[in-house]
Each structure stands twice: as structure tokens, then as C-alpha cells.
Amino acid sequence: MVVSLWGNAANMPMHLLHLGWGTGFVISPFLVMPFLGSDKDNTTLLNTTLNETDCFDDSNIQYPFVIAGCIAYAFAISSLIFFIIGTPKGMQFFTKPSESIKQVLSPKYCGEGDSTFAVIFLTMFGIFYFGNAGRESVYGTWLFTYAVEGALKFEKREAALLDAAAKASFTIGRLCSLPISHLAPIQPMVFVENYVVLILVT
């Protein structure tokens, strides 16, 4: 979508989108903290007879998930409305939309006529994102759990602050890359960024 709107100038808008993503990640731990509950130790329950209520702590973590879900649905519905309304009169796109489902699913269409190149590229792309998503899960999604349940034994609020600090480092990195993204062409920048991530994943 960004490439369709900005064409060769899509580098900075793409980094701005990631900056917004990181900003939301930094804010979210602070919004969740009031709902985390106490830091009581439930390990003593292992040697006792468990009741149904013993399996739950006093947190209200479901509320921030419901709030975030409602916000996400609101944005999704607004996007659907814009899609139904259509583009403004005279608006030009830098890329042509696919004319059929067959084009969307065809490796030949993705590789501009070269099916072999497209299959190899999509396979390598999938392997890369498999590792990239794994890195994100380990260092991002599970950081809070590791800090609380691992050897660090952080309190929940401390772990939330650690999580916010980790996301802030991501956001600062995106902020620092904005001037570069304005000056550098998108192809070499994406190439360098992806391989730096690949090295970090390894």
C-alpha cells in the first residue's frame, strides 16, 4: 500500500509506520501495569490440593486486551469504509493493482514473468521471516515472562518497565534511521537492514 502511494519515495513513510508501531509498544506496558495484579508467589500451591479458583491470580489483564481489540476493530472498520468509498478522484497509484486472484497467487506474476526466480525468492523470504519472527517472539513477546519467571525474578511492574525500555530502543533506532531513509534509496537500505537483522537472529 505504501509503495503504491509513494512509489520510489516510500522509504521514509515505511520507516514512519514502524516508528508508530514502536511508539505503541512503548506506551502499552504503562497502560497494562494497573491491571497486572500482585506479585504473590504461587509455587506453594504445587504441594496442595488445587481448587478451581487457585489457578487464577488477582490480575485483570483481560481488560487491556479487550480495550486494544476494540481500538483495532475501530481502525479496521474505518479502513473498510475508506476501501468501500474508493480513492479520491484523480488520485494516481505508482503500482498497478492485481487484475485477478490468479495474478495474486501466481509466482510468475510476482517474479515479473520468471517463475523460477519467484519461487526461490519467496522460499528464501519465508525462511528469513521465520527466523525474524522467532527473534521477535524471543526478545519481544517473551521478555516480560522471562523477567518474571526466570532467574531475574522481576516484579511484574519492573518487567513491564523493562519491556517498555526494550521497545523504546527499537523506536529510537527507527527514529535515527528516518534521516537516512530520506536520503538513501530504499533498495540498498532494506537489503542492509534485513541482513543486519539476520545476523542478530543468528
N, C-alpha and C. Protein backbone atom coordinates (compact mmCIF):
# COMPACT_ATOMS: atom_id res chain seq x y z
N MET A 1 0.83 -1.19 0.00
CA MET A 1 0.00 0.00 0.00
C MET A 1 0.87 1.25 0.00
N VAL A 2 1.90 1.26 0.85
CA VAL A 2 2.79 2.42 0.93
C VAL A 2 3.53 2.62 -0.38
N VAL A 3 4.01 1.53 -0.97
CA VAL A 3 4.71 1.63 -2.25
C VAL A 3 3.75 2.11 -3.34
N SER A 4 2.50 1.66 -3.29
CA SER A 4 1.51 2.10 -4.27
C SER A 4 1.27 3.60 -4.18
N LEU A 5 1.30 4.14 -2.97
CA LEU A 5 1.02 5.56 -2.77
C LEU A 5 2.23 6.45 -3.03
N TRP A 6 3.42 5.99 -2.61
CA TRP A 6 4.60 6.85 -2.68
C TRP A 6 5.63 6.42 -3.74
N GLY A 7 5.53 5.23 -4.25
CA GLY A 7 6.48 4.78 -5.26
C GLY A 7 7.90 4.73 -4.72
N ASN A 8 8.86 5.32 -5.47
CA ASN A 8 10.26 5.31 -5.06
C ASN A 8 10.53 6.13 -3.81
N ALA A 9 9.56 6.97 -3.41
CA ALA A 9 9.73 7.79 -2.21
C ALA A 9 9.11 7.12 -0.98
N ALA A 10 8.89 5.80 -1.05
CA ALA A 10 8.20 5.08 0.04
C ALA A 10 9.09 4.79 1.24
N ASN A 11 10.39 5.05 1.14
CA ASN A 11 11.32 4.66 2.20
C ASN A 11 10.97 5.32 3.53
N MET A 12 10.85 6.63 3.53
CA MET A 12 10.58 7.35 4.78
C MET A 12 9.18 7.04 5.33
N PRO A 13 8.12 7.00 4.50
CA PRO A 13 6.82 6.61 5.05
C PRO A 13 6.82 5.22 5.68
N MET A 14 7.57 4.27 5.09
CA MET A 14 7.63 2.93 5.68
C MET A 14 8.28 2.97 7.05
N HIS A 15 9.35 3.76 7.20
CA HIS A 15 10.01 3.87 8.50
C HIS A 15 9.14 4.61 9.50
N LEU A 16 8.35 5.57 9.01
CA LEU A 16 7.43 6.27 9.90
C LEU A 16 6.36 5.33 10.44
N LEU A 17 5.89 4.40 9.60
CA LEU A 17 4.92 3.41 10.07
C LEU A 17 5.51 2.55 11.18
N HIS A 18 6.77 2.13 11.02
CA HIS A 18 7.43 1.34 12.05
C HIS A 18 7.66 2.17 13.31
N LEU A 19 7.89 3.47 13.13
CA LEU A 19 8.05 4.36 14.29
C LEU A 19 6.76 4.40 15.10
N GLY A 20 5.62 4.47 14.41
CA GLY A 20 4.33 4.45 15.11
C GLY A 20 4.10 3.13 15.82
N TRP A 21 4.50 2.03 15.18
CA TRP A 21 4.38 0.70 15.78
C TRP A 21 5.19 0.64 17.08
N GLY A 22 6.44 1.12 17.03
CA GLY A 22 7.29 1.12 18.22
C GLY A 22 6.75 2.02 19.31
N THR A 23 6.20 3.16 18.92
CA THR A 23 5.63 4.09 19.91
C THR A 23 4.48 3.44 20.67
N GLY A 24 3.63 2.72 19.94
CA GLY A 24 2.54 2.00 20.60
C GLY A 24 3.05 0.94 21.55
N PHE A 25 4.14 0.26 21.15
CA PHE A 25 4.74 -0.76 22.02
C PHE A 25 5.30 -0.15 23.30
N VAL A 26 5.87 1.04 23.20
CA VAL A 26 6.43 1.70 24.39
C VAL A 26 5.31 2.10 25.35
N ILE A 27 4.21 2.60 24.81
CA ILE A 27 3.10 3.07 25.64
C ILE A 27 2.34 1.92 26.29
N SER A 28 2.19 0.80 25.57
CA SER A 28 1.31 -0.28 26.03
C SER A 28 1.67 -0.85 27.40
N PRO A 29 2.98 -1.08 27.75
CA PRO A 29 3.25 -1.60 29.10
C PRO A 29 2.75 -0.69 30.22
N PHE A 30 2.78 0.63 30.00
CA PHE A 30 2.29 1.56 31.02
C PHE A 30 0.77 1.48 31.14
N LEU A 31 0.09 1.21 30.04
CA LEU A 31 -1.36 1.06 30.08
C LEU A 31 -1.78 -0.24 30.75
N VAL A 32 -0.93 -1.26 30.63
CA VAL A 32 -1.25 -2.58 31.18
C VAL A 32 -0.92 -2.68 32.67
N MET A 33 0.06 -1.92 33.14
CA MET A 33 0.55 -2.05 34.52
C MET A 33 -0.53 -2.01 35.59
N PRO A 34 -1.53 -1.12 35.50
CA PRO A 34 -2.56 -1.09 36.56
C PRO A 34 -3.38 -2.38 36.65
N PHE A 35 -3.34 -3.22 35.59
CA PHE A 35 -4.17 -4.42 35.56
C PHE A 35 -3.38 -5.70 35.86
N LEU A 36 -2.10 -5.57 36.22
CA LEU A 36 -1.25 -6.76 36.35
C LEU A 36 -1.52 -7.58 37.60
N GLY A 37 -2.03 -6.99 38.63
CA GLY A 37 -2.25 -7.73 39.87
C GLY A 37 -1.00 -7.75 40.74
N SER A 38 -1.05 -8.51 41.82
CA SER A 38 0.05 -8.55 42.78
C SER A 38 1.14 -9.51 42.32
N ASP A 39 2.26 -9.49 43.05
CA ASP A 39 3.40 -10.34 42.74
C ASP A 39 3.50 -11.50 43.72
N LYS A 40 2.38 -12.03 44.16
CA LYS A 40 2.40 -13.13 45.13
C LYS A 40 3.00 -14.38 44.50
N ASP A 41 3.64 -15.18 45.32
CA ASP A 41 4.28 -16.41 44.87
C ASP A 41 3.29 -17.57 44.97
N ASN A 42 2.98 -18.18 43.82
CA ASN A 42 2.01 -19.27 43.79
C ASN A 42 2.65 -20.65 43.80
N THR A 43 3.99 -20.72 44.03
CA THR A 43 4.66 -22.02 43.97
C THR A 43 4.22 -22.94 45.09
N THR A 44 3.75 -22.38 46.21
CA THR A 44 3.31 -23.24 47.32
C THR A 44 2.06 -24.03 46.96
N LEU A 45 1.35 -23.58 45.93
CA LEU A 45 0.13 -24.28 45.52
C LEU A 45 0.44 -25.64 44.91
N LEU A 46 1.69 -25.84 44.49
CA LEU A 46 2.05 -27.09 43.82
C LEU A 46 1.93 -28.27 44.77
N ASN A 47 2.13 -28.05 46.06
CA ASN A 47 2.11 -29.14 47.04
C ASN A 47 0.78 -29.23 47.77
N THR A 48 -0.22 -28.52 47.28
CA THR A 48 -1.53 -28.54 47.92
C THR A 48 -2.58 -28.98 46.93
N THR A 49 -3.75 -29.25 47.45
CA THR A 49 -4.87 -29.60 46.58
C THR A 49 -5.41 -28.33 45.94
N LEU A 50 -5.42 -28.30 44.61
CA LEU A 50 -5.83 -27.10 43.89
C LEU A 50 -7.35 -27.03 43.75
N ASN A 51 -7.88 -25.89 44.09
CA ASN A 51 -9.27 -25.60 43.78
C ASN A 51 -9.33 -24.87 42.45
N GLU A 52 -10.52 -24.75 41.91
CA GLU A 52 -10.67 -24.09 40.61
C GLU A 52 -10.19 -22.65 40.67
N THR A 53 -10.42 -21.96 41.79
CA THR A 53 -10.04 -20.55 41.91
C THR A 53 -8.53 -20.38 42.11
N ASP A 54 -7.82 -21.46 42.48
CA ASP A 54 -6.38 -21.34 42.72
C ASP A 54 -5.60 -21.16 41.42
N CYS A 55 -6.20 -21.46 40.30
CA CYS A 55 -5.49 -21.40 39.03
C CYS A 55 -5.45 -19.98 38.47
N PHE A 56 -6.06 -19.03 39.16
CA PHE A 56 -6.12 -17.67 38.66
C PHE A 56 -5.56 -16.73 39.71
N ASP A 57 -4.83 -15.69 39.26
CA ASP A 57 -4.35 -14.69 40.20
C ASP A 57 -5.33 -13.53 40.23
N ASP A 58 -4.93 -12.44 40.87
CA ASP A 58 -5.86 -11.32 41.04
C ASP A 58 -5.68 -10.25 39.96
N SER A 59 -5.07 -10.60 38.86
CA SER A 59 -4.89 -9.63 37.79
C SER A 59 -6.18 -9.48 36.99
N ASN A 60 -6.28 -8.35 36.31
CA ASN A 60 -7.40 -8.08 35.40
C ASN A 60 -6.86 -7.82 34.00
N ILE A 61 -5.93 -8.67 33.59
CA ILE A 61 -5.21 -8.46 32.34
C ILE A 61 -6.12 -8.53 31.12
N GLN A 62 -7.31 -9.11 31.28
CA GLN A 62 -8.21 -9.22 30.13
C GLN A 62 -8.72 -7.85 29.67
N TYR A 63 -8.78 -6.88 30.57
CA TYR A 63 -9.34 -5.58 30.21
C TYR A 63 -8.50 -4.83 29.17
N PRO A 64 -7.17 -4.73 29.36
CA PRO A 64 -6.40 -4.06 28.30
C PRO A 64 -6.47 -4.77 26.96
N PHE A 65 -6.59 -6.11 26.98
CA PHE A 65 -6.73 -6.84 25.73
C PHE A 65 -8.05 -6.48 25.04
N VAL A 66 -9.13 -6.37 25.83
CA VAL A 66 -10.43 -6.01 25.27
C VAL A 66 -10.39 -4.59 24.71
N ILE A 67 -9.78 -3.67 25.46
CA ILE A 67 -9.68 -2.27 25.00
C ILE A 67 -8.87 -2.19 23.71
N ALA A 68 -7.71 -2.87 23.68
CA ALA A 68 -6.88 -2.86 22.48
C ALA A 68 -7.61 -3.49 21.29
N GLY A 69 -8.36 -4.57 21.57
CA GLY A 69 -9.13 -5.20 20.50
C GLY A 69 -10.19 -4.28 19.93
N CYS A 70 -10.87 -3.55 20.80
CA CYS A 70 -11.89 -2.61 20.33
C CYS A 70 -11.28 -1.50 19.47
N ILE A 71 -10.11 -0.99 19.89
CA ILE A 71 -9.44 0.04 19.10
C ILE A 71 -9.04 -0.52 17.73
N ALA A 72 -8.51 -1.76 17.72
CA ALA A 72 -8.10 -2.38 16.47
C ALA A 72 -9.29 -2.58 15.53
N TYR A 73 -10.43 -3.01 16.10
CA TYR A 73 -11.64 -3.18 15.29
C TYR A 73 -12.13 -1.85 14.74
N ALA A 74 -12.02 -0.79 15.54
CA ALA A 74 -12.45 0.54 15.08
C ALA A 74 -11.63 0.98 13.88
N PHE A 75 -10.31 0.78 13.95
CA PHE A 75 -9.45 1.14 12.82
C PHE A 75 -9.74 0.25 11.61
N ALA A 76 -10.00 -1.03 11.86
CA ALA A 76 -10.29 -1.96 10.76
C ALA A 76 -11.57 -1.55 10.05
N ILE A 77 -12.58 -1.19 10.82
CA ILE A 77 -13.85 -0.78 10.23
C ILE A 77 -13.69 0.52 9.44
N SER A 78 -12.93 1.47 9.99
CA SER A 78 -12.71 2.73 9.27
C SER A 78 -11.94 2.48 7.97
N SER A 79 -10.98 1.54 7.99
CA SER A 79 -10.25 1.20 6.77
C SER A 79 -11.18 0.57 5.74
N LEU A 80 -12.10 -0.29 6.20
CA LEU A 80 -13.07 -0.91 5.31
C LEU A 80 -13.97 0.14 4.67
N ILE A 81 -14.37 1.14 5.46
CA ILE A 81 -15.21 2.22 4.93
C ILE A 81 -14.47 2.98 3.82
N PHE A 82 -13.19 3.31 4.07
CA PHE A 82 -12.40 4.00 3.05
C PHE A 82 -12.25 3.14 1.79
N PHE A 83 -12.11 1.83 1.98
CA PHE A 83 -12.00 0.91 0.85
C PHE A 83 -13.27 0.90 0.02
N ILE A 84 -14.42 0.89 0.71
CA ILE A 84 -15.71 0.87 0.01
C ILE A 84 -15.94 2.19 -0.72
N ILE A 85 -15.59 3.31 -0.07
CA ILE A 85 -15.78 4.63 -0.70
C ILE A 85 -14.92 4.75 -1.96
N GLY A 86 -13.71 4.20 -1.90
CA GLY A 86 -12.81 4.27 -3.05
C GLY A 86 -11.85 5.44 -2.96
N THR A 87 -10.96 5.51 -3.92
CA THR A 87 -9.92 6.55 -3.92
C THR A 87 -10.50 7.88 -4.39
N PRO A 88 -9.89 8.98 -3.96
CA PRO A 88 -10.34 10.30 -4.42
C PRO A 88 -10.19 10.44 -5.94
N LYS A 89 -11.01 11.24 -6.52
CA LYS A 89 -10.98 11.45 -7.96
C LYS A 89 -9.63 12.04 -8.39
N GLY A 90 -9.03 11.42 -9.40
CA GLY A 90 -7.76 11.90 -9.93
C GLY A 90 -6.53 11.36 -9.22
N MET A 91 -6.71 10.56 -8.18
CA MET A 91 -5.57 10.02 -7.44
C MET A 91 -4.85 8.97 -8.29
N GLN A 92 -3.53 9.07 -8.34
CA GLN A 92 -2.71 8.17 -9.15
C GLN A 92 -1.90 7.23 -8.25
N PHE A 93 -1.83 5.96 -8.64
CA PHE A 93 -1.01 4.99 -7.92
C PHE A 93 0.26 4.70 -8.71
N PHE A 94 1.34 4.39 -7.98
CA PHE A 94 2.62 4.09 -8.62
C PHE A 94 2.71 2.64 -9.09
N THR A 95 1.86 1.77 -8.56
CA THR A 95 1.84 0.37 -8.97
C THR A 95 0.43 0.00 -9.40
N LYS A 96 0.33 -0.90 -10.35
CA LYS A 96 -0.97 -1.34 -10.84
C LYS A 96 -1.53 -2.41 -9.92
N PRO A 97 -2.80 -2.32 -9.57
CA PRO A 97 -3.41 -3.38 -8.75
C PRO A 97 -3.56 -4.67 -9.55
N SER A 98 -3.57 -5.79 -8.83
CA SER A 98 -3.76 -7.09 -9.49
C SER A 98 -5.15 -7.15 -10.11
N GLU A 99 -5.22 -7.74 -11.29
CA GLU A 99 -6.48 -7.79 -12.01
C GLU A 99 -7.30 -9.03 -11.67
N SER A 100 -6.68 -10.05 -11.06
CA SER A 100 -7.42 -11.26 -10.74
C SER A 100 -6.75 -11.99 -9.59
N ILE A 101 -7.49 -12.93 -9.00
CA ILE A 101 -6.94 -13.77 -7.94
C ILE A 101 -5.78 -14.60 -8.47
N LYS A 102 -5.86 -15.02 -9.72
CA LYS A 102 -4.82 -15.82 -10.34
C LYS A 102 -3.48 -15.08 -10.33
N GLN A 103 -3.51 -13.78 -10.57
CA GLN A 103 -2.28 -13.00 -10.53
C GLN A 103 -1.70 -12.94 -9.12
N VAL A 104 -2.58 -12.79 -8.14
CA VAL A 104 -2.11 -12.70 -6.75
C VAL A 104 -1.42 -13.99 -6.33
N LEU A 105 -1.94 -15.14 -6.76
CA LEU A 105 -1.41 -16.45 -6.35
C LEU A 105 -0.32 -16.98 -7.28
N SER A 106 -0.03 -16.29 -8.36
CA SER A 106 0.91 -16.80 -9.35
C SER A 106 2.34 -16.34 -9.05
N PRO A 107 3.28 -17.29 -8.81
CA PRO A 107 4.68 -16.90 -8.64
C PRO A 107 5.24 -16.19 -9.87
N LYS A 108 4.75 -16.57 -11.04
CA LYS A 108 5.21 -15.94 -12.28
C LYS A 108 4.91 -14.45 -12.27
N TYR A 109 3.74 -14.08 -11.77
CA TYR A 109 3.36 -12.66 -11.70
C TYR A 109 4.25 -11.92 -10.69
N CYS A 110 4.54 -12.59 -9.57
CA CYS A 110 5.41 -11.98 -8.54
C CYS A 110 6.81 -11.75 -9.09
N GLY A 111 7.32 -12.69 -9.89
CA GLY A 111 8.66 -12.58 -10.44
C GLY A 111 8.73 -11.91 -11.78
N GLU A 112 7.68 -11.18 -12.15
CA GLU A 112 7.60 -10.46 -13.42
C GLU A 112 7.92 -11.38 -14.60
N GLY A 113 7.31 -12.55 -14.58
CA GLY A 113 7.44 -13.48 -15.69
C GLY A 113 8.41 -14.62 -15.45
N ASP A 114 9.24 -14.55 -14.41
CA ASP A 114 10.23 -15.59 -14.14
C ASP A 114 9.78 -16.40 -12.92
N SER A 115 9.15 -17.54 -13.18
CA SER A 115 8.60 -18.36 -12.09
C SER A 115 9.69 -18.93 -11.21
N THR A 116 10.83 -19.35 -11.79
CA THR A 116 11.93 -19.94 -11.02
C THR A 116 12.47 -18.93 -10.01
N PHE A 117 12.73 -17.73 -10.48
CA PHE A 117 13.22 -16.68 -9.59
C PHE A 117 12.22 -16.41 -8.48
N ALA A 118 10.92 -16.34 -8.83
CA ALA A 118 9.88 -16.03 -7.86
C ALA A 118 9.79 -17.09 -6.77
N VAL A 119 9.86 -18.37 -7.16
CA VAL A 119 9.77 -19.46 -6.18
C VAL A 119 10.96 -19.43 -5.23
N ILE A 120 12.17 -19.25 -5.79
CA ILE A 120 13.39 -19.17 -4.95
C ILE A 120 13.30 -17.98 -4.01
N PHE A 121 12.88 -16.84 -4.55
CA PHE A 121 12.79 -15.63 -3.75
C PHE A 121 11.78 -15.78 -2.62
N LEU A 122 10.59 -16.29 -2.93
CA LEU A 122 9.55 -16.45 -1.92
C LEU A 122 9.95 -17.46 -0.85
N THR A 123 10.67 -18.52 -1.26
CA THR A 123 11.14 -19.52 -0.30
C THR A 123 12.15 -18.90 0.67
N MET A 124 13.12 -18.17 0.13
CA MET A 124 14.13 -17.52 0.98
C MET A 124 13.49 -16.45 1.85
N PHE A 125 12.51 -15.74 1.29
CA PHE A 125 11.80 -14.71 2.04
C PHE A 125 11.07 -15.32 3.23
N GLY A 126 10.43 -16.49 2.99
CA GLY A 126 9.73 -17.19 4.06
C GLY A 126 10.66 -17.67 5.15
N ILE A 127 11.83 -18.21 4.75
CA ILE A 127 12.81 -18.68 5.74
C ILE A 127 13.33 -17.52 6.57
N PHE A 128 13.58 -16.38 5.90
CA PHE A 128 14.07 -15.21 6.62
C PHE A 128 13.06 -14.75 7.66
N TYR A 129 11.80 -14.65 7.27
CA TYR A 129 10.79 -14.16 8.20
C TYR A 129 10.46 -15.19 9.28
N PHE A 130 10.71 -16.46 8.99
CA PHE A 130 10.58 -17.48 10.03
C PHE A 130 11.57 -17.19 11.16
N GLY A 131 12.82 -16.90 10.79
CA GLY A 131 13.83 -16.54 11.80
C GLY A 131 13.57 -15.19 12.42
N ASN A 132 13.10 -14.24 11.61
CA ASN A 132 12.86 -12.90 12.12
C ASN A 132 11.71 -12.89 13.12
N ALA A 133 10.64 -13.62 12.80
CA ALA A 133 9.52 -13.71 13.73
C ALA A 133 9.92 -14.44 15.00
N GLY A 134 10.79 -15.46 14.87
CA GLY A 134 11.28 -16.16 16.05
C GLY A 134 12.08 -15.24 16.95
N ARG A 135 12.89 -14.39 16.34
CA ARG A 135 13.67 -13.42 17.12
C ARG A 135 12.74 -12.47 17.85
N GLU A 136 11.70 -12.01 17.15
CA GLU A 136 10.77 -11.08 17.77
C GLU A 136 10.03 -11.71 18.94
N SER A 137 9.68 -13.01 18.80
CA SER A 137 8.97 -13.70 19.87
C SER A 137 9.85 -13.86 21.10
N VAL A 138 11.11 -14.21 20.87
CA VAL A 138 12.03 -14.45 21.99
C VAL A 138 12.36 -13.15 22.72
N TYR A 139 12.77 -12.13 21.96
CA TYR A 139 13.24 -10.90 22.59
C TYR A 139 12.12 -9.92 22.91
N GLY A 140 10.99 -10.06 22.24
CA GLY A 140 9.90 -9.13 22.46
C GLY A 140 8.76 -9.71 23.25
N THR A 141 8.08 -10.69 22.66
CA THR A 141 6.87 -11.23 23.27
C THR A 141 7.14 -11.89 24.61
N TRP A 142 8.27 -12.60 24.74
CA TRP A 142 8.54 -13.39 25.95
C TRP A 142 9.46 -12.69 26.94
N LEU A 143 9.84 -11.43 26.65
CA LEU A 143 10.75 -10.72 27.55
C LEU A 143 10.12 -10.54 28.93
N PHE A 144 8.86 -10.15 28.97
CA PHE A 144 8.16 -9.95 30.24
C PHE A 144 8.11 -11.26 31.03
N THR A 145 7.75 -12.36 30.36
CA THR A 145 7.66 -13.66 31.03
C THR A 145 9.01 -14.10 31.55
N TYR A 146 10.06 -13.92 30.74
CA TYR A 146 11.41 -14.31 31.16
C TYR A 146 11.84 -13.52 32.39
N ALA A 147 11.55 -12.22 32.40
CA ALA A 147 11.97 -11.37 33.52
C ALA A 147 11.27 -11.77 34.82
N VAL A 148 10.00 -12.19 34.72
CA VAL A 148 9.22 -12.53 35.93
C VAL A 148 9.49 -13.96 36.36
N GLU A 149 9.44 -14.90 35.41
CA GLU A 149 9.52 -16.32 35.74
C GLU A 149 10.94 -16.87 35.77
N GLY A 150 11.88 -16.19 35.11
CA GLY A 150 13.25 -16.68 35.04
C GLY A 150 14.07 -16.34 36.27
N ALA A 151 15.39 -16.42 36.09
CA ALA A 151 16.29 -16.21 37.22
C ALA A 151 16.28 -14.77 37.73
N LEU A 152 15.84 -13.83 36.90
CA LEU A 152 15.84 -12.42 37.31
C LEU A 152 14.83 -12.14 38.42
N LYS A 153 13.68 -12.85 38.40
CA LYS A 153 12.64 -12.69 39.42
C LYS A 153 12.18 -11.24 39.57
N PHE A 154 11.95 -10.58 38.45
CA PHE A 154 11.43 -9.22 38.49
C PHE A 154 10.00 -9.21 39.01
N GLU A 155 9.63 -8.11 39.64
CA GLU A 155 8.22 -7.88 39.91
C GLU A 155 7.54 -7.52 38.59
N LYS A 156 6.23 -7.70 38.54
CA LYS A 156 5.52 -7.51 37.28
C LYS A 156 5.67 -6.09 36.75
N ARG A 157 5.60 -5.11 37.64
CA ARG A 157 5.74 -3.72 37.19
C ARG A 157 7.15 -3.45 36.68
N GLU A 158 8.16 -4.05 37.32
CA GLU A 158 9.53 -3.90 36.84
C GLU A 158 9.70 -4.52 35.46
N ALA A 159 9.09 -5.69 35.27
CA ALA A 159 9.17 -6.37 33.98
C ALA A 159 8.46 -5.55 32.90
N ALA A 160 7.36 -4.88 33.26
CA ALA A 160 6.66 -4.03 32.30
C ALA A 160 7.54 -2.85 31.89
N LEU A 161 8.27 -2.28 32.84
CA LEU A 161 9.19 -1.19 32.53
C LEU A 161 10.34 -1.67 31.66
N LEU A 162 10.84 -2.88 31.93
CA LEU A 162 11.89 -3.46 31.09
C LEU A 162 11.39 -3.65 29.66
N ASP A 163 10.17 -4.13 29.54
CA ASP A 163 9.57 -4.32 28.23
C ASP A 163 9.44 -2.99 27.49
N ALA A 164 9.00 -1.95 28.20
CA ALA A 164 8.88 -0.63 27.60
C ALA A 164 10.24 -0.09 27.16
N ALA A 165 11.28 -0.34 27.97
CA ALA A 165 12.63 0.11 27.61
C ALA A 165 13.14 -0.60 26.36
N ALA A 166 12.85 -1.90 26.24
CA ALA A 166 13.25 -2.65 25.05
C ALA A 166 12.58 -2.11 23.80
N LYS A 167 11.28 -1.82 23.91
CA LYS A 167 10.55 -1.27 22.77
C LYS A 167 11.00 0.16 22.46
N ALA A 168 11.41 0.90 23.50
CA ALA A 168 11.92 2.25 23.28
C ALA A 168 13.21 2.23 22.47
N SER A 169 14.06 1.23 22.72
CA SER A 169 15.30 1.12 21.94
C SER A 169 14.99 0.87 20.47
N PHE A 170 13.96 0.04 20.21
CA PHE A 170 13.52 -0.18 18.83
C PHE A 170 13.05 1.13 18.20
N THR A 171 12.24 1.89 18.95
CA THR A 171 11.67 3.12 18.43
C THR A 171 12.75 4.17 18.18
N ILE A 172 13.73 4.25 19.08
CA ILE A 172 14.84 5.19 18.90
C ILE A 172 15.64 4.83 17.64
N GLY A 173 15.83 3.52 17.42
CA GLY A 173 16.52 3.09 16.22
C GLY A 173 15.79 3.51 14.96
N ARG A 174 14.46 3.36 14.97
CA ARG A 174 13.66 3.80 13.82
C ARG A 174 13.73 5.31 13.66
N LEU A 175 13.73 6.04 14.77
CA LEU A 175 13.81 7.50 14.71
C LEU A 175 15.14 7.95 14.11
N CYS A 176 16.23 7.28 14.52
CA CYS A 176 17.56 7.62 13.98
C CYS A 176 17.68 7.30 12.49
N SER A 177 16.91 6.30 12.04
CA SER A 177 17.01 5.91 10.63
C SER A 177 16.18 6.79 9.71
N LEU A 178 15.31 7.65 10.26
CA LEU A 178 14.45 8.49 9.42
C LEU A 178 15.25 9.41 8.49
N PRO A 179 16.26 10.14 9.01
CA PRO A 179 17.03 10.99 8.08
C PRO A 179 17.74 10.18 7.00
N ILE A 180 18.24 8.99 7.36
CA ILE A 180 18.91 8.13 6.38
C ILE A 180 17.91 7.67 5.34
N SER A 181 16.69 7.29 5.80
CA SER A 181 15.69 6.81 4.87
C SER A 181 15.24 7.89 3.90
N HIS A 182 15.37 9.16 4.30
CA HIS A 182 15.02 10.26 3.41
C HIS A 182 16.06 10.45 2.31
N LEU A 183 17.32 10.14 2.64
CA LEU A 183 18.42 10.38 1.70
C LEU A 183 18.80 9.14 0.89
N ALA A 184 18.70 7.96 1.50
CA ALA A 184 19.18 6.74 0.85
C ALA A 184 18.07 6.09 0.03
N PRO A 185 18.43 5.44 -1.08
CA PRO A 185 17.43 4.68 -1.85
C PRO A 185 16.91 3.51 -1.02
N ILE A 186 15.67 3.11 -1.28
CA ILE A 186 15.03 2.09 -0.45
C ILE A 186 15.65 0.71 -0.64
N GLN A 187 16.08 0.38 -1.88
CA GLN A 187 16.56 -0.99 -2.12
C GLN A 187 17.80 -1.34 -1.29
N PRO A 188 18.89 -0.54 -1.34
CA PRO A 188 20.06 -0.91 -0.50
C PRO A 188 19.79 -0.81 0.99
N MET A 189 18.91 0.11 1.39
CA MET A 189 18.63 0.26 2.81
C MET A 189 17.88 -0.95 3.35
N VAL A 190 16.87 -1.41 2.61
CA VAL A 190 16.13 -2.61 3.03
C VAL A 190 17.06 -3.82 3.04
N PHE A 191 17.94 -3.92 2.05
CA PHE A 191 18.90 -5.03 1.98
C PHE A 191 19.79 -5.04 3.21
N VAL A 192 20.37 -3.90 3.55
CA VAL A 192 21.28 -3.80 4.71
C VAL A 192 20.52 -4.09 6.00
N GLU A 193 19.34 -3.49 6.16
CA GLU A 193 18.56 -3.69 7.39
C GLU A 193 18.21 -5.17 7.59
N ASN A 194 17.76 -5.82 6.53
CA ASN A 194 17.36 -7.22 6.64
C ASN A 194 18.54 -8.12 7.00
N TYR A 195 19.71 -7.86 6.42
CA TYR A 195 20.85 -8.72 6.72
C TYR A 195 21.44 -8.42 8.09
N VAL A 196 21.33 -7.20 8.56
CA VAL A 196 21.74 -6.90 9.95
C VAL A 196 20.82 -7.66 10.92
N VAL A 197 19.51 -7.65 10.64
CA VAL A 197 18.57 -8.41 11.46
C VAL A 197 18.90 -9.91 11.41
N LEU A 198 19.24 -10.41 10.22
CA LEU A 198 19.58 -11.82 10.06
C LEU A 198 20.81 -12.19 10.91
N ILE A 199 21.80 -11.29 10.93
CA ILE A 199 23.00 -11.52 11.75
C ILE A 199 22.63 -11.54 13.24
N LEU A 200 21.76 -10.61 13.65
CA LEU A 200 21.33 -10.57 15.05
C LEU A 200 20.53 -11.83 15.42
N VAL A 201 19.67 -12.28 14.48
CA VAL A 201 18.91 -13.51 14.72
C VAL A 201 19.85 -14.68 14.92
N THR A 202 20.87 -14.77 14.07
CA THR A 202 21.84 -15.88 14.18
C THR A 202 22.57 -15.83 15.50
